[in-house]
Amino acid sequence: MLVEDDIDWQRGICDFVAGHPQIDIVYCVSSRLECRTTLQNADVDVVLMDIMLGEQSGNGLDAALDITSEHPAIKVIVVSSIDYDDEIFYEAFLSGAYDYIYKNDFEQLPQVIVDSMENRTSKYGSRLRKLVFDKKKELLTANDAALLRHIAQGRTQQEISQINSVSLAAVKKQVGRLLEKFNWSGSSKELADKCLKWGLIDKP
């Protein structure tokens, strides 16, 4: 499956791998939702995932995390035009990517796809994922992990303050520190959900 919202890149990648004896692009979708919906009833070994889907720059990373969480047998190869952004590169592997290919190196795609189907060890793969996982894990105290589990369950800050017998201001302060630790610009619920899928916190 190719997940790409730029029609020129859709055509270009499909044309480039056309005729390859081991590769067939059987689905081509343009959004995270289309990808998730199609995979419910699709027989796919590999997903080529663009990072820039629509207006959200990291939406492809969220889609990759959906796939590796819900369909662990599927290999995700991130295909990106974003250069020199270490955080995105690292998060791709934390989200379970098999490999990361820059669009200006798209000639590598056929070999990387074949390698993934044959379960060969990727250049970065699990080693980089472990490195990034360990660094993220070090950011969390036991209290932080407990807070994120509460948030992942949908509890409000007021409810958390009552459960822990602390002030609402203390909970707000702890949430603010967490967002700062992760350099997170989204909501605390989005961070909690990601930490859950990344395996940084136990399921509630």
N, C-alpha and C. Protein backbone atom coordinates (compact mmCIF):
# COMPACT_ATOMS: atom_id res chain seq x y z
N MET A 1 0.84 -1.20 0.00
CA MET A 1 0.00 0.00 0.00
C MET A 1 0.87 1.25 0.00
N LEU A 2 0.51 2.21 -0.83
CA LEU A 2 1.16 3.51 -0.84
C LEU A 2 0.21 4.53 -0.21
N VAL A 3 0.70 5.25 0.80
CA VAL A 3 -0.08 6.32 1.43
C VAL A 3 0.62 7.63 1.09
N GLU A 4 0.03 8.37 0.16
CA GLU A 4 0.67 9.58 -0.38
C GLU A 4 -0.41 10.51 -0.91
N ASP A 5 -0.42 11.77 -0.46
CA ASP A 5 -1.48 12.68 -0.89
C ASP A 5 -1.07 13.58 -2.06
N ASP A 6 0.18 13.48 -2.49
CA ASP A 6 0.64 14.24 -3.65
C ASP A 6 0.47 13.35 -4.89
N ILE A 7 -0.40 13.76 -5.80
CA ILE A 7 -0.74 12.92 -6.94
C ILE A 7 0.47 12.66 -7.83
N ASP A 8 1.38 13.63 -7.93
CA ASP A 8 2.56 13.43 -8.76
C ASP A 8 3.47 12.36 -8.16
N TRP A 9 3.63 12.38 -6.84
CA TRP A 9 4.45 11.35 -6.19
C TRP A 9 3.75 10.00 -6.23
N GLN A 10 2.43 10.00 -6.12
CA GLN A 10 1.68 8.73 -6.27
C GLN A 10 2.03 8.08 -7.61
N ARG A 11 1.90 8.84 -8.66
CA ARG A 11 2.14 8.31 -10.00
C ARG A 11 3.61 7.94 -10.17
N GLY A 12 4.48 8.80 -9.66
CA GLY A 12 5.91 8.56 -9.83
C GLY A 12 6.38 7.28 -9.16
N ILE A 13 5.94 7.06 -7.92
CA ILE A 13 6.36 5.85 -7.20
C ILE A 13 5.74 4.61 -7.83
N CYS A 14 4.46 4.70 -8.18
CA CYS A 14 3.80 3.55 -8.81
C CYS A 14 4.48 3.19 -10.13
N ASP A 15 4.80 4.20 -10.92
CA ASP A 15 5.47 3.95 -12.21
C ASP A 15 6.87 3.37 -11.99
N PHE A 16 7.55 3.85 -10.96
CA PHE A 16 8.93 3.43 -10.72
C PHE A 16 9.03 1.95 -10.36
N VAL A 17 8.06 1.45 -9.57
CA VAL A 17 8.13 0.04 -9.15
C VAL A 17 7.31 -0.88 -10.06
N ALA A 18 6.60 -0.29 -11.01
CA ALA A 18 5.80 -1.11 -11.93
C ALA A 18 6.68 -2.11 -12.67
N GLY A 19 6.22 -3.34 -12.72
CA GLY A 19 6.98 -4.36 -13.42
C GLY A 19 8.00 -5.07 -12.58
N HIS A 20 8.21 -4.62 -11.36
CA HIS A 20 9.16 -5.32 -10.49
C HIS A 20 8.61 -6.70 -10.16
N PRO A 21 9.41 -7.75 -10.29
CA PRO A 21 8.88 -9.11 -10.12
C PRO A 21 8.39 -9.45 -8.71
N GLN A 22 8.80 -8.68 -7.70
CA GLN A 22 8.41 -9.01 -6.33
C GLN A 22 7.51 -7.97 -5.68
N ILE A 23 7.17 -6.92 -6.42
CA ILE A 23 6.41 -5.82 -5.82
C ILE A 23 5.17 -5.49 -6.63
N ASP A 24 4.04 -5.41 -5.94
CA ASP A 24 2.80 -4.91 -6.52
C ASP A 24 2.20 -3.89 -5.57
N ILE A 25 1.96 -2.68 -6.05
CA ILE A 25 1.22 -1.70 -5.24
C ILE A 25 -0.25 -1.93 -5.52
N VAL A 26 -0.93 -2.50 -4.54
CA VAL A 26 -2.33 -2.91 -4.76
C VAL A 26 -3.33 -1.90 -4.21
N TYR A 27 -2.85 -1.02 -3.34
CA TYR A 27 -3.71 0.04 -2.81
C TYR A 27 -2.92 1.34 -2.80
N CYS A 28 -3.60 2.42 -3.15
CA CYS A 28 -2.99 3.75 -3.10
C CYS A 28 -4.01 4.69 -2.47
N VAL A 29 -3.71 5.19 -1.28
CA VAL A 29 -4.64 6.05 -0.55
C VAL A 29 -3.92 7.34 -0.18
N SER A 30 -4.70 8.34 0.24
CA SER A 30 -4.10 9.66 0.45
C SER A 30 -4.24 10.20 1.86
N SER A 31 -4.81 9.42 2.78
CA SER A 31 -4.99 9.94 4.13
C SER A 31 -4.83 8.85 5.18
N ARG A 32 -4.63 9.28 6.41
CA ARG A 32 -4.53 8.36 7.54
C ARG A 32 -5.82 7.55 7.69
N LEU A 33 -6.95 8.22 7.55
CA LEU A 33 -8.24 7.54 7.71
C LEU A 33 -8.44 6.49 6.63
N GLU A 34 -8.15 6.84 5.36
CA GLU A 34 -8.28 5.88 4.27
C GLU A 34 -7.39 4.67 4.49
N CYS A 35 -6.18 4.93 4.95
CA CYS A 35 -5.23 3.86 5.22
C CYS A 35 -5.77 2.92 6.28
N ARG A 36 -6.22 3.49 7.38
CA ARG A 36 -6.71 2.67 8.50
C ARG A 36 -7.93 1.86 8.09
N THR A 37 -8.83 2.49 7.36
CA THR A 37 -10.05 1.81 6.93
C THR A 37 -9.75 0.68 5.96
N THR A 38 -8.89 0.95 4.98
CA THR A 38 -8.56 -0.06 3.96
C THR A 38 -7.87 -1.27 4.57
N LEU A 39 -7.01 -1.03 5.56
CA LEU A 39 -6.25 -2.12 6.15
C LEU A 39 -7.12 -3.10 6.96
N GLN A 40 -8.33 -2.69 7.28
CA GLN A 40 -9.22 -3.60 8.02
C GLN A 40 -9.52 -4.86 7.22
N ASN A 41 -9.55 -4.72 5.88
CA ASN A 41 -9.91 -5.86 5.03
C ASN A 41 -8.91 -6.09 3.90
N ALA A 42 -7.68 -5.57 4.07
CA ALA A 42 -6.69 -5.67 3.00
C ALA A 42 -5.59 -6.66 3.36
N ASP A 43 -5.06 -7.31 2.34
CA ASP A 43 -3.93 -8.22 2.52
C ASP A 43 -2.68 -7.49 2.03
N VAL A 44 -1.96 -6.89 2.97
CA VAL A 44 -0.82 -6.04 2.64
C VAL A 44 0.39 -6.47 3.46
N ASP A 45 1.55 -6.55 2.82
CA ASP A 45 2.79 -6.89 3.52
C ASP A 45 3.55 -5.64 3.95
N VAL A 46 3.49 -4.60 3.11
CA VAL A 46 4.30 -3.40 3.32
C VAL A 46 3.45 -2.17 3.06
N VAL A 47 3.66 -1.14 3.86
CA VAL A 47 3.03 0.17 3.63
C VAL A 47 4.13 1.20 3.44
N LEU A 48 4.07 1.92 2.31
CA LEU A 48 4.95 3.06 2.08
C LEU A 48 4.21 4.29 2.58
N MET A 49 4.75 4.95 3.60
CA MET A 49 4.02 6.00 4.30
C MET A 49 4.69 7.36 4.16
N ASP A 50 4.00 8.28 3.51
CA ASP A 50 4.46 9.66 3.46
C ASP A 50 4.19 10.31 4.81
N ILE A 51 5.10 11.17 5.27
CA ILE A 51 4.89 11.85 6.56
C ILE A 51 3.92 13.01 6.42
N MET A 52 4.05 13.75 5.32
CA MET A 52 3.22 14.95 5.14
C MET A 52 1.89 14.56 4.48
N LEU A 53 0.87 14.38 5.30
CA LEU A 53 -0.47 14.06 4.79
C LEU A 53 -1.41 15.20 5.16
N GLY A 54 -1.88 15.91 4.17
CA GLY A 54 -2.77 17.02 4.45
C GLY A 54 -2.02 18.16 5.12
N GLU A 55 -2.69 18.84 6.04
CA GLU A 55 -2.12 20.03 6.67
C GLU A 55 -1.28 19.68 7.90
N GLN A 56 -1.39 18.47 8.41
CA GLN A 56 -0.65 18.10 9.61
C GLN A 56 0.68 17.47 9.22
N SER A 57 1.78 18.14 9.60
CA SER A 57 3.09 17.72 9.13
C SER A 57 3.49 16.34 9.62
N GLY A 58 3.03 15.93 10.80
CA GLY A 58 3.42 14.63 11.32
C GLY A 58 2.36 13.57 11.24
N ASN A 59 1.32 13.82 10.44
CA ASN A 59 0.18 12.91 10.39
C ASN A 59 0.57 11.51 9.92
N GLY A 60 1.57 11.42 9.07
CA GLY A 60 2.02 10.12 8.60
C GLY A 60 2.65 9.29 9.71
N LEU A 61 3.27 9.96 10.68
CA LEU A 61 3.83 9.25 11.82
C LEU A 61 2.73 8.65 12.68
N ASP A 62 1.64 9.40 12.83
CA ASP A 62 0.48 8.87 13.57
C ASP A 62 -0.09 7.65 12.85
N ALA A 63 -0.15 7.74 11.53
CA ALA A 63 -0.66 6.61 10.74
C ALA A 63 0.25 5.40 10.86
N ALA A 64 1.57 5.64 10.85
CA ALA A 64 2.53 4.55 11.01
C ALA A 64 2.35 3.87 12.36
N LEU A 65 2.12 4.68 13.39
CA LEU A 65 1.92 4.13 14.73
C LEU A 65 0.62 3.33 14.81
N ASP A 66 -0.43 3.80 14.13
CA ASP A 66 -1.68 3.03 14.04
C ASP A 66 -1.41 1.64 13.48
N ILE A 67 -0.65 1.62 12.38
CA ILE A 67 -0.41 0.35 11.68
C ILE A 67 0.40 -0.60 12.54
N THR A 68 1.51 -0.13 13.10
CA THR A 68 2.38 -1.02 13.87
C THR A 68 1.72 -1.47 15.17
N SER A 69 0.76 -0.69 15.66
CA SER A 69 0.03 -1.08 16.87
C SER A 69 -1.07 -2.10 16.55
N GLU A 70 -1.76 -1.89 15.43
CA GLU A 70 -2.92 -2.70 15.09
C GLU A 70 -2.60 -3.86 14.14
N HIS A 71 -1.53 -3.72 13.36
CA HIS A 71 -1.16 -4.74 12.37
C HIS A 71 0.35 -4.99 12.46
N PRO A 72 0.82 -5.57 13.54
CA PRO A 72 2.28 -5.70 13.75
C PRO A 72 3.03 -6.49 12.69
N ALA A 73 2.33 -7.29 11.91
CA ALA A 73 3.02 -8.07 10.86
C ALA A 73 3.35 -7.22 9.63
N ILE A 74 2.71 -6.07 9.50
CA ILE A 74 2.93 -5.21 8.34
C ILE A 74 4.17 -4.35 8.57
N LYS A 75 5.04 -4.29 7.56
CA LYS A 75 6.23 -3.43 7.63
C LYS A 75 5.87 -2.04 7.11
N VAL A 76 6.29 -1.02 7.83
CA VAL A 76 6.05 0.37 7.42
C VAL A 76 7.38 0.99 7.01
N ILE A 77 7.42 1.49 5.79
CA ILE A 77 8.60 2.21 5.30
C ILE A 77 8.19 3.67 5.13
N VAL A 78 8.81 4.53 5.91
CA VAL A 78 8.49 5.95 5.83
C VAL A 78 9.21 6.56 4.63
N VAL A 79 8.46 7.33 3.84
CA VAL A 79 9.01 8.01 2.67
C VAL A 79 8.78 9.50 2.87
N SER A 80 9.87 10.27 2.97
CA SER A 80 9.72 11.65 3.40
C SER A 80 10.53 12.64 2.58
N SER A 81 9.97 13.83 2.44
CA SER A 81 10.71 14.93 1.80
C SER A 81 11.32 15.84 2.87
N ILE A 82 11.10 15.51 4.15
CA ILE A 82 11.60 16.34 5.24
C ILE A 82 13.04 15.95 5.57
N ASP A 83 13.95 16.86 5.30
CA ASP A 83 15.37 16.61 5.58
C ASP A 83 15.78 17.32 6.87
N TYR A 84 16.79 16.78 7.51
CA TYR A 84 17.43 17.44 8.64
C TYR A 84 16.49 17.72 9.80
N ASP A 85 15.57 16.83 10.06
CA ASP A 85 14.71 16.93 11.24
C ASP A 85 14.88 15.65 12.05
N ASP A 86 15.79 15.70 13.00
CA ASP A 86 16.12 14.49 13.76
C ASP A 86 14.94 13.96 14.56
N GLU A 87 14.12 14.87 15.09
CA GLU A 87 13.00 14.43 15.92
C GLU A 87 12.01 13.59 15.12
N ILE A 88 11.71 14.02 13.91
CA ILE A 88 10.79 13.26 13.05
C ILE A 88 11.43 11.92 12.67
N PHE A 89 12.71 11.95 12.35
CA PHE A 89 13.43 10.73 11.99
C PHE A 89 13.38 9.73 13.15
N TYR A 90 13.68 10.18 14.35
CA TYR A 90 13.69 9.29 15.51
C TYR A 90 12.29 8.79 15.84
N GLU A 91 11.30 9.70 15.74
CA GLU A 91 9.94 9.28 16.08
C GLU A 91 9.42 8.23 15.10
N ALA A 92 9.86 8.31 13.86
CA ALA A 92 9.43 7.30 12.87
C ALA A 92 9.80 5.90 13.35
N PHE A 93 11.01 5.74 13.86
CA PHE A 93 11.44 4.42 14.32
C PHE A 93 10.79 4.05 15.64
N LEU A 94 10.59 5.05 16.52
CA LEU A 94 9.87 4.78 17.75
C LEU A 94 8.46 4.30 17.45
N SER A 95 7.90 4.80 16.36
CA SER A 95 6.55 4.41 15.96
C SER A 95 6.52 3.09 15.19
N GLY A 96 7.68 2.44 15.08
CA GLY A 96 7.72 1.10 14.51
C GLY A 96 8.14 1.00 13.06
N ALA A 97 8.62 2.10 12.47
CA ALA A 97 9.02 2.05 11.06
C ALA A 97 10.13 1.03 10.84
N TYR A 98 10.05 0.31 9.73
CA TYR A 98 11.10 -0.62 9.34
C TYR A 98 12.31 0.14 8.80
N ASP A 99 12.02 1.17 8.01
CA ASP A 99 13.11 1.98 7.45
C ASP A 99 12.56 3.36 7.10
N TYR A 100 13.48 4.25 6.75
CA TYR A 100 13.15 5.66 6.48
C TYR A 100 13.90 6.06 5.22
N ILE A 101 13.14 6.40 4.17
CA ILE A 101 13.75 6.75 2.89
C ILE A 101 13.37 8.18 2.52
N TYR A 102 14.39 8.99 2.20
CA TYR A 102 14.12 10.35 1.73
C TYR A 102 13.68 10.28 0.27
N LYS A 103 12.77 11.17 -0.09
CA LYS A 103 12.23 11.13 -1.45
C LYS A 103 13.30 11.36 -2.51
N ASN A 104 14.34 12.10 -2.16
CA ASN A 104 15.40 12.29 -3.16
C ASN A 104 16.29 11.06 -3.29
N ASP A 105 16.02 10.03 -2.46
CA ASP A 105 16.71 8.75 -2.59
C ASP A 105 15.74 7.62 -2.94
N PHE A 106 14.66 7.98 -3.65
CA PHE A 106 13.58 7.01 -3.90
C PHE A 106 14.05 5.78 -4.69
N GLU A 107 15.21 5.89 -5.34
CA GLU A 107 15.71 4.74 -6.09
C GLU A 107 15.99 3.54 -5.18
N GLN A 108 16.15 3.81 -3.89
CA GLN A 108 16.41 2.73 -2.93
C GLN A 108 15.16 1.92 -2.59
N LEU A 109 14.00 2.45 -2.92
CA LEU A 109 12.75 1.84 -2.48
C LEU A 109 12.59 0.36 -2.83
N PRO A 110 12.79 -0.05 -4.09
CA PRO A 110 12.57 -1.47 -4.41
C PRO A 110 13.38 -2.41 -3.52
N GLN A 111 14.66 -2.11 -3.31
CA GLN A 111 15.49 -3.00 -2.50
C GLN A 111 15.04 -3.01 -1.05
N VAL A 112 14.67 -1.85 -0.52
CA VAL A 112 14.21 -1.78 0.88
C VAL A 112 12.89 -2.54 1.04
N ILE A 113 12.00 -2.42 0.07
CA ILE A 113 10.73 -3.15 0.12
C ILE A 113 10.99 -4.66 0.13
N VAL A 114 11.84 -5.11 -0.77
CA VAL A 114 12.17 -6.54 -0.83
C VAL A 114 12.81 -7.00 0.47
N ASP A 115 13.74 -6.21 0.99
CA ASP A 115 14.39 -6.56 2.26
C ASP A 115 13.37 -6.72 3.37
N SER A 116 12.40 -5.81 3.41
CA SER A 116 11.39 -5.87 4.47
C SER A 116 10.53 -7.12 4.34
N MET A 117 10.18 -7.49 3.11
CA MET A 117 9.36 -8.68 2.89
C MET A 117 10.11 -9.96 3.23
N GLU A 118 11.44 -9.91 3.09
CA GLU A 118 12.25 -11.08 3.39
C GLU A 118 12.79 -11.06 4.82
N ASN A 119 12.24 -10.09 5.61
CA ASN A 119 12.58 -9.98 7.04
C ASN A 119 14.07 -9.78 7.30
N ARG A 120 14.73 -9.09 6.39
CA ARG A 120 16.13 -8.75 6.63
C ARG A 120 16.21 -7.60 7.62
N THR A 121 17.29 -7.55 8.36
CA THR A 121 17.48 -6.47 9.33
C THR A 121 17.72 -5.17 8.60
N SER A 122 16.98 -4.13 8.96
CA SER A 122 17.14 -2.84 8.30
C SER A 122 18.36 -2.11 8.85
N LYS A 123 18.76 -1.07 8.16
CA LYS A 123 19.95 -0.32 8.52
C LYS A 123 19.83 0.27 9.92
N TYR A 124 18.63 0.73 10.27
CA TYR A 124 18.41 1.35 11.58
C TYR A 124 17.50 0.47 12.44
N GLY A 125 16.25 0.38 11.98
CA GLY A 125 15.28 -0.53 12.57
C GLY A 125 15.23 -0.62 14.08
N SER A 126 15.27 -1.84 14.59
CA SER A 126 15.03 -2.10 16.01
C SER A 126 16.08 -1.48 16.91
N ARG A 127 17.33 -1.37 16.42
CA ARG A 127 18.37 -0.79 17.27
C ARG A 127 18.09 0.68 17.57
N LEU A 128 17.70 1.42 16.53
CA LEU A 128 17.40 2.84 16.73
C LEU A 128 16.12 2.99 17.54
N ARG A 129 15.15 2.12 17.30
CA ARG A 129 13.91 2.18 18.07
C ARG A 129 14.20 2.03 19.56
N LYS A 130 15.07 1.07 19.91
CA LYS A 130 15.40 0.85 21.32
C LYS A 130 16.10 2.07 21.91
N LEU A 131 17.01 2.65 21.14
CA LEU A 131 17.73 3.83 21.61
C LEU A 131 16.78 4.98 21.91
N VAL A 132 15.86 5.24 20.98
CA VAL A 132 14.91 6.33 21.16
C VAL A 132 13.94 6.00 22.29
N PHE A 133 13.49 4.74 22.34
CA PHE A 133 12.58 4.31 23.41
C PHE A 133 13.21 4.55 24.78
N ASP A 134 14.46 4.13 24.93
CA ASP A 134 15.13 4.28 26.23
C ASP A 134 15.28 5.74 26.61
N LYS A 135 15.56 6.60 25.64
CA LYS A 135 15.70 8.03 25.94
C LYS A 135 14.37 8.64 26.36
N LYS A 136 13.29 8.24 25.68
CA LYS A 136 11.97 8.74 26.05
C LYS A 136 11.57 8.20 27.43
N LYS A 137 11.88 6.93 27.68
CA LYS A 137 11.52 6.31 28.94
C LYS A 137 12.19 7.01 30.11
N GLU A 138 13.42 7.47 29.91
CA GLU A 138 14.15 8.16 30.96
C GLU A 138 13.49 9.47 31.36
N LEU A 139 12.66 10.02 30.48
CA LEU A 139 11.99 11.27 30.80
C LEU A 139 10.88 11.09 31.83
N LEU A 140 10.41 9.86 31.99
CA LEU A 140 9.23 9.60 32.82
C LEU A 140 9.60 9.10 34.21
N THR A 141 9.06 9.78 35.21
CA THR A 141 9.11 9.25 36.57
C THR A 141 7.91 8.32 36.75
N ALA A 142 7.90 7.60 37.87
CA ALA A 142 6.75 6.72 38.15
C ALA A 142 5.46 7.54 38.25
N ASN A 143 5.55 8.73 38.85
CA ASN A 143 4.37 9.59 38.97
C ASN A 143 3.91 10.09 37.60
N ASP A 144 4.88 10.39 36.73
CA ASP A 144 4.52 10.81 35.37
C ASP A 144 3.76 9.70 34.64
N ALA A 145 4.28 8.48 34.75
CA ALA A 145 3.64 7.35 34.08
C ALA A 145 2.22 7.13 34.60
N ALA A 146 2.05 7.26 35.93
CA ALA A 146 0.72 7.10 36.52
C ALA A 146 -0.22 8.19 36.02
N LEU A 147 0.28 9.41 35.92
CA LEU A 147 -0.53 10.52 35.42
C LEU A 147 -0.96 10.27 33.98
N LEU A 148 -0.03 9.83 33.16
CA LEU A 148 -0.36 9.57 31.75
C LEU A 148 -1.39 8.45 31.61
N ARG A 149 -1.32 7.45 32.48
CA ARG A 149 -2.32 6.38 32.43
C ARG A 149 -3.71 6.92 32.75
N HIS A 150 -3.78 7.80 33.74
CA HIS A 150 -5.07 8.43 34.07
C HIS A 150 -5.59 9.22 32.86
N ILE A 151 -4.71 10.00 32.25
CA ILE A 151 -5.12 10.82 31.11
C ILE A 151 -5.55 9.94 29.95
N ALA A 152 -4.80 8.85 29.70
CA ALA A 152 -5.16 7.93 28.62
C ALA A 152 -6.53 7.32 28.83
N GLN A 153 -6.93 7.17 30.10
CA GLN A 153 -8.26 6.62 30.41
C GLN A 153 -9.36 7.65 30.27
N GLY A 154 -8.98 8.89 29.98
CA GLY A 154 -9.98 9.93 29.77
C GLY A 154 -10.34 10.71 31.02
N ARG A 155 -9.60 10.54 32.09
CA ARG A 155 -9.90 11.26 33.32
C ARG A 155 -9.48 12.73 33.19
N THR A 156 -10.28 13.60 33.79
CA THR A 156 -9.96 15.02 33.77
C THR A 156 -8.93 15.33 34.85
N GLN A 157 -8.33 16.51 34.74
CA GLN A 157 -7.36 16.92 35.75
C GLN A 157 -8.01 17.04 37.12
N GLN A 158 -9.25 17.47 37.16
CA GLN A 158 -9.97 17.55 38.43
C GLN A 158 -10.14 16.16 39.04
N GLU A 159 -10.52 15.19 38.23
CA GLU A 159 -10.68 13.82 38.72
C GLU A 159 -9.34 13.25 39.21
N ILE A 160 -8.28 13.54 38.48
CA ILE A 160 -6.96 13.04 38.88
C ILE A 160 -6.54 13.65 40.21
N SER A 161 -6.83 14.93 40.39
CA SER A 161 -6.46 15.58 41.66
C SER A 161 -7.21 14.95 42.83
N GLN A 162 -8.46 14.57 42.62
CA GLN A 162 -9.24 13.93 43.69
C GLN A 162 -8.74 12.52 43.97
N ILE A 163 -8.41 11.77 42.92
CA ILE A 163 -7.90 10.41 43.10
C ILE A 163 -6.59 10.42 43.88
N ASN A 164 -5.70 11.38 43.56
CA ASN A 164 -4.38 11.43 44.17
C ASN A 164 -4.33 12.29 45.44
N SER A 165 -5.48 12.88 45.79
CA SER A 165 -5.56 13.74 46.98
C SER A 165 -4.53 14.87 46.93
N VAL A 166 -4.43 15.50 45.76
CA VAL A 166 -3.56 16.67 45.60
C VAL A 166 -4.39 17.79 44.98
N SER A 167 -3.81 18.98 45.00
CA SER A 167 -4.54 20.12 44.46
C SER A 167 -4.59 20.05 42.93
N LEU A 168 -5.60 20.71 42.37
CA LEU A 168 -5.72 20.80 40.92
C LEU A 168 -4.51 21.53 40.35
N ALA A 169 -4.02 22.54 41.07
CA ALA A 169 -2.85 23.29 40.62
C ALA A 169 -1.62 22.38 40.49
N ALA A 170 -1.50 21.42 41.42
CA ALA A 170 -0.35 20.49 41.38
C ALA A 170 -0.44 19.60 40.15
N VAL A 171 -1.64 19.14 39.81
CA VAL A 171 -1.83 18.31 38.63
C VAL A 171 -1.51 19.11 37.37
N LYS A 172 -2.01 20.34 37.31
CA LYS A 172 -1.74 21.19 36.14
C LYS A 172 -0.24 21.41 35.97
N LYS A 173 0.44 21.61 37.08
CA LYS A 173 1.89 21.84 37.03
C LYS A 173 2.62 20.60 36.50
N GLN A 174 2.20 19.43 36.98
CA GLN A 174 2.83 18.19 36.53
C GLN A 174 2.58 17.94 35.05
N VAL A 175 1.36 18.23 34.59
CA VAL A 175 1.03 18.08 33.17
C VAL A 175 1.90 19.02 32.34
N GLY A 176 2.04 20.26 32.80
CA GLY A 176 2.87 21.23 32.09
C GLY A 176 4.32 20.78 31.98
N ARG A 177 4.85 20.20 33.06
CA ARG A 177 6.23 19.69 33.04
C ARG A 177 6.37 18.55 32.03
N LEU A 178 5.35 17.67 31.99
CA LEU A 178 5.39 16.56 31.05
C LEU A 178 5.42 17.04 29.60
N LEU A 179 4.56 17.99 29.29
CA LEU A 179 4.52 18.52 27.93
C LEU A 179 5.85 19.17 27.56
N GLU A 180 6.46 19.83 28.54
CA GLU A 180 7.75 20.47 28.31
C GLU A 180 8.85 19.42 28.11
N LYS A 181 8.83 18.36 28.91
CA LYS A 181 9.83 17.29 28.78
C LYS A 181 9.84 16.70 27.38
N PHE A 182 8.64 16.50 26.84
CA PHE A 182 8.52 15.87 25.53
C PHE A 182 8.50 16.89 24.39
N ASN A 183 8.66 18.16 24.75
CA ASN A 183 8.58 19.23 23.74
C ASN A 183 7.31 19.08 22.92
N TRP A 184 6.20 18.86 23.62
CA TRP A 184 4.94 18.47 23.01
C TRP A 184 4.03 19.68 22.83
N SER A 185 3.55 19.89 21.61
CA SER A 185 2.69 21.03 21.33
C SER A 185 1.21 20.66 21.29
N GLY A 186 0.92 19.36 21.29
CA GLY A 186 -0.47 18.92 21.26
C GLY A 186 -1.07 18.84 22.66
N SER A 187 -2.19 18.15 22.77
CA SER A 187 -2.86 18.02 24.06
C SER A 187 -2.22 16.92 24.90
N SER A 188 -2.50 16.97 26.21
CA SER A 188 -1.96 15.94 27.10
C SER A 188 -2.57 14.57 26.77
N LYS A 189 -3.82 14.55 26.28
CA LYS A 189 -4.46 13.28 25.89
C LYS A 189 -3.75 12.68 24.68
N GLU A 190 -3.37 13.52 23.73
CA GLU A 190 -2.64 13.01 22.56
C GLU A 190 -1.29 12.44 22.96
N LEU A 191 -0.62 13.11 23.89
CA LEU A 191 0.67 12.61 24.38
C LEU A 191 0.48 11.29 25.11
N ALA A 192 -0.53 11.20 25.96
CA ALA A 192 -0.79 9.97 26.70
C ALA A 192 -1.09 8.81 25.76
N ASP A 193 -1.89 9.07 24.74
CA ASP A 193 -2.23 8.02 23.78
C ASP A 193 -0.98 7.54 23.03
N LYS A 194 -0.11 8.48 22.67
CA LYS A 194 1.12 8.08 21.97
C LYS A 194 2.03 7.29 22.88
N CYS A 195 2.19 7.74 24.12
CA CYS A 195 3.05 7.01 25.06
C CYS A 195 2.53 5.59 25.28
N LEU A 196 1.22 5.45 25.26
CA LEU A 196 0.61 4.12 25.40
C LEU A 196 0.96 3.24 24.21
N LYS A 197 0.82 3.78 23.01
CA LYS A 197 1.13 3.01 21.80
C LYS A 197 2.62 2.75 21.66
N TRP A 198 3.43 3.70 22.11
CA TRP A 198 4.88 3.51 22.06
C TRP A 198 5.34 2.46 23.06
N GLY A 199 4.49 2.16 24.04
CA GLY A 199 4.87 1.21 25.08
C GLY A 199 5.61 1.83 26.24
N LEU A 200 5.58 3.17 26.32
CA LEU A 200 6.27 3.84 27.41
C LEU A 200 5.49 3.74 28.73
N ILE A 201 4.19 3.53 28.64
CA ILE A 201 3.38 3.31 29.83
C ILE A 201 2.56 2.05 29.63
N ASP A 202 2.23 1.41 30.74
CA ASP A 202 1.42 0.19 30.69
C ASP A 202 -0.02 0.53 30.36
N LYS A 203 -0.72 -0.41 29.75
CA LYS A 203 -2.14 -0.19 29.47
C LYS A 203 -2.90 -0.07 30.78
N PRO A 204 -3.83 0.91 30.85
CA PRO A 204 -4.61 1.09 32.09
C PRO A 204 -5.42 -0.16 32.41
